[in-house]
Amino acid sequence: MFHLARHPSETFYATHGLQSYAAKCSPPLVRYGLHYYAKPNELVLDPMVGSDATLVEASLRGRHAIGFDIAPLARLIAQVKAHPLHDESIAYAAEKIITRTQRDVFALKTKRHTAALDECATPPEFMNRDHWFHPHVATQVLAEMGNAISKLP
């Protein structure tokens, strides 16, 4: 007998837990539908992709899927969650980010940096920014992550 999720761990596997979405379809419910209504290698259409439960589940279950949505946020979430990444590419990107981050943090600490790095390390204005992020921490995080990520190929 097929069962739906009884515990949160049964819904936050693969990329399902990356983003909450207001109208999120439960992955076990999608898995149930795919199990009974779509054969392996068949094409599944999701006309309201939302947070991408169908595309992810289809990929995990050996089905092909196409999804679209009118909401730009839903499309972005779906693209990110459904794009498979290999461990090697993640490790390569992480190493590049770490190397560039260390270089940029050293440049900021020694005051030997460019105007472009200074601009990347300037946090944007938003309400309660200084309450949530000490200015030094915000500057360092922006310099580390923003600059390094933006330079990835």
Protein backbone atom coordinates (compact mmCIF):
# COMPACT_ATOMS: atom_id res chain seq x y z
CA MET A 1 0.00 0.00 0.00
CA PHE A 2 1.28 3.44 -0.92
CA HIS A 3 1.37 5.90 2.00
CA LEU A 4 1.58 9.67 2.12
CA ALA A 5 4.04 11.47 4.40
CA ARG A 6 3.67 10.98 8.13
CA HIS A 7 6.79 12.91 9.12
CA PRO A 8 8.46 16.12 7.81
CA SER A 9 11.57 14.14 6.84
CA GLU A 10 9.42 12.42 4.23
CA THR A 11 8.83 15.74 2.45
CA PHE A 12 12.22 17.49 2.72
CA TYR A 13 14.45 15.20 0.67
CA ALA A 14 16.27 15.94 -2.60
CA THR A 15 15.70 19.65 -3.32
CA HIS A 16 12.19 19.82 -1.86
CA GLY A 17 13.27 21.67 1.29
CA LEU A 18 15.20 24.44 -0.47
CA GLN A 19 12.35 26.93 -0.70
CA SER A 20 8.97 27.19 0.94
CA TYR A 21 6.21 28.16 -1.41
CA ALA A 22 2.66 29.17 -0.54
CA ALA A 23 0.92 26.69 -2.83
CA LYS A 24 3.47 23.90 -2.52
CA CYS A 25 2.25 20.48 -3.53
CA SER A 26 3.34 17.73 -1.19
CA PRO A 27 6.12 15.61 -2.75
CA PRO A 28 4.58 12.34 -1.48
CA LEU A 29 1.29 13.28 -3.17
CA VAL A 30 3.13 13.91 -6.44
CA ARG A 31 5.05 10.65 -5.97
CA TYR A 32 1.71 8.85 -5.53
CA GLY A 33 0.34 10.36 -8.75
CA LEU A 34 3.45 9.49 -10.71
CA HIS A 35 3.46 5.95 -9.35
CA TYR A 36 -0.11 5.25 -10.45
CA TYR A 37 -0.58 7.49 -13.48
CA ALA A 38 2.77 7.84 -15.28
CA LYS A 39 4.95 5.03 -16.54
CA PRO A 40 8.78 5.27 -16.51
CA ASN A 41 10.12 7.39 -19.39
CA GLU A 42 6.70 8.97 -20.01
CA LEU A 43 6.36 12.73 -20.28
CA VAL A 44 4.55 14.56 -17.47
CA LEU A 45 3.21 18.11 -17.85
CA ASP A 46 2.92 20.45 -14.87
CA PRO A 47 1.05 23.58 -16.01
CA MET A 48 1.46 25.33 -12.62
CA VAL A 49 4.97 24.31 -11.56
CA GLY A 50 4.91 26.28 -8.30
CA SER A 51 7.83 25.13 -6.18
CA ASP A 52 8.69 22.28 -8.54
CA ALA A 53 7.58 19.16 -6.68
CA THR A 54 6.45 17.49 -9.91
CA LEU A 55 9.63 18.12 -11.90
CA VAL A 56 11.86 16.93 -9.08
CA GLU A 57 9.76 13.85 -8.35
CA ALA A 58 9.51 12.97 -12.04
CA SER A 59 13.29 13.12 -12.35
CA LEU A 60 13.75 10.98 -9.24
CA ARG A 61 11.21 8.43 -10.49
CA GLY A 62 12.49 8.04 -14.07
CA ARG A 63 9.86 10.18 -15.76
CA HIS A 64 10.42 13.18 -18.02
CA ALA A 65 8.65 16.39 -17.09
CA ILE A 66 7.93 19.82 -18.47
CA GLY A 67 6.58 22.59 -16.30
CA PHE A 68 5.61 26.19 -16.71
CA ASP A 69 4.06 28.87 -14.55
CA ILE A 70 2.82 32.42 -14.92
CA ALA A 71 4.68 33.50 -11.74
CA PRO A 72 8.31 34.53 -12.32
CA LEU A 73 9.29 33.41 -8.80
CA ALA A 74 7.83 29.95 -9.40
CA ARG A 75 9.76 29.64 -12.66
CA LEU A 76 13.01 30.65 -10.97
CA ILE A 77 12.51 28.21 -8.09
CA ALA A 78 11.67 25.42 -10.55
CA GLN A 79 14.76 26.10 -12.67
CA VAL A 80 17.03 26.01 -9.64
CA LYS A 81 15.50 22.94 -8.01
CA ALA A 82 15.18 20.86 -11.16
CA HIS A 83 18.67 21.52 -12.51
CA PRO A 84 20.82 18.51 -11.59
CA LEU A 85 24.28 19.25 -10.24
CA HIS A 86 27.15 16.83 -9.93
CA ASP A 87 29.33 16.69 -6.83
CA GLU A 88 32.40 17.59 -8.86
CA SER A 89 30.88 20.83 -10.16
CA ILE A 90 29.74 21.80 -6.66
CA ALA A 91 33.21 21.10 -5.24
CA TYR A 92 34.84 23.10 -8.05
CA ALA A 93 32.55 26.10 -7.49
CA ALA A 94 33.05 25.94 -3.72
CA GLU A 95 36.84 25.90 -4.10
CA LYS A 96 36.74 28.91 -6.43
CA ILE A 97 34.48 30.80 -4.03
CA ILE A 98 36.73 30.02 -1.05
CA THR A 99 39.88 31.08 -2.89
CA ARG A 100 38.39 34.34 -4.16
CA THR A 101 36.78 35.06 -0.80
CA GLN A 102 40.06 34.67 1.07
CA ARG A 103 41.78 36.97 -1.41
CA ASP A 104 39.06 39.62 -1.17
CA VAL A 105 38.86 39.52 2.63
CA PHE A 106 42.64 39.92 2.81
CA ALA A 107 42.42 42.89 0.43
CA LEU A 108 39.68 44.51 2.53
CA LYS A 109 41.59 43.99 5.77
CA THR A 110 44.83 45.40 4.38
CA LYS A 111 43.05 48.30 2.64
CA ARG A 112 44.48 47.17 -0.73
CA HIS A 113 41.32 46.82 -2.72
CA THR A 114 39.66 48.27 -5.77
CA ALA A 115 36.62 50.50 -5.95
CA ALA A 116 34.71 47.58 -7.45
CA LEU A 117 35.45 45.38 -4.43
CA ASP A 118 34.56 48.25 -2.13
CA GLU A 119 31.22 48.59 -3.92
CA CYS A 120 30.54 44.84 -3.65
CA ALA A 121 31.34 44.99 0.06
CA THR A 122 28.86 47.81 0.75
CA PRO A 123 25.60 46.36 2.06
CA PRO A 124 22.35 47.70 0.62
CA GLU A 125 20.08 49.84 2.77
CA PHE A 126 17.03 48.10 4.22
CA MET A 127 14.94 48.45 7.34
CA ASN A 128 16.64 47.18 10.53
CA ARG A 129 19.77 46.20 8.61
CA ASP A 130 22.11 47.22 11.42
CA HIS A 131 19.90 45.46 13.96
CA TRP A 132 20.24 42.13 12.14
CA PHE A 133 23.75 42.51 10.76
CA HIS A 134 26.66 44.28 12.43
CA PRO A 135 28.11 46.56 9.72
CA HIS A 136 31.49 44.79 9.78
CA VAL A 137 29.84 41.38 9.40
CA ALA A 138 27.56 42.54 6.58
CA THR A 139 30.51 44.03 4.72
CA GLN A 140 32.58 40.89 5.08
CA VAL A 141 29.77 38.55 4.06
CA LEU A 142 28.99 40.65 0.99
CA ALA A 143 32.62 40.84 0.01
CA GLU A 144 33.14 37.15 0.54
CA MET A 145 30.11 35.68 -1.08
CA GLY A 146 28.75 38.26 -3.48
CA ASN A 147 32.01 39.04 -5.17
CA ALA A 148 33.17 35.42 -5.36
CA ILE A 149 29.85 34.07 -6.64
CA SER A 150 29.46 36.81 -9.22
CA LYS A 151 32.80 35.82 -10.78
CA LEU A 152 31.95 32.15 -11.27
CA PRO A 153 31.78 31.04 -14.90
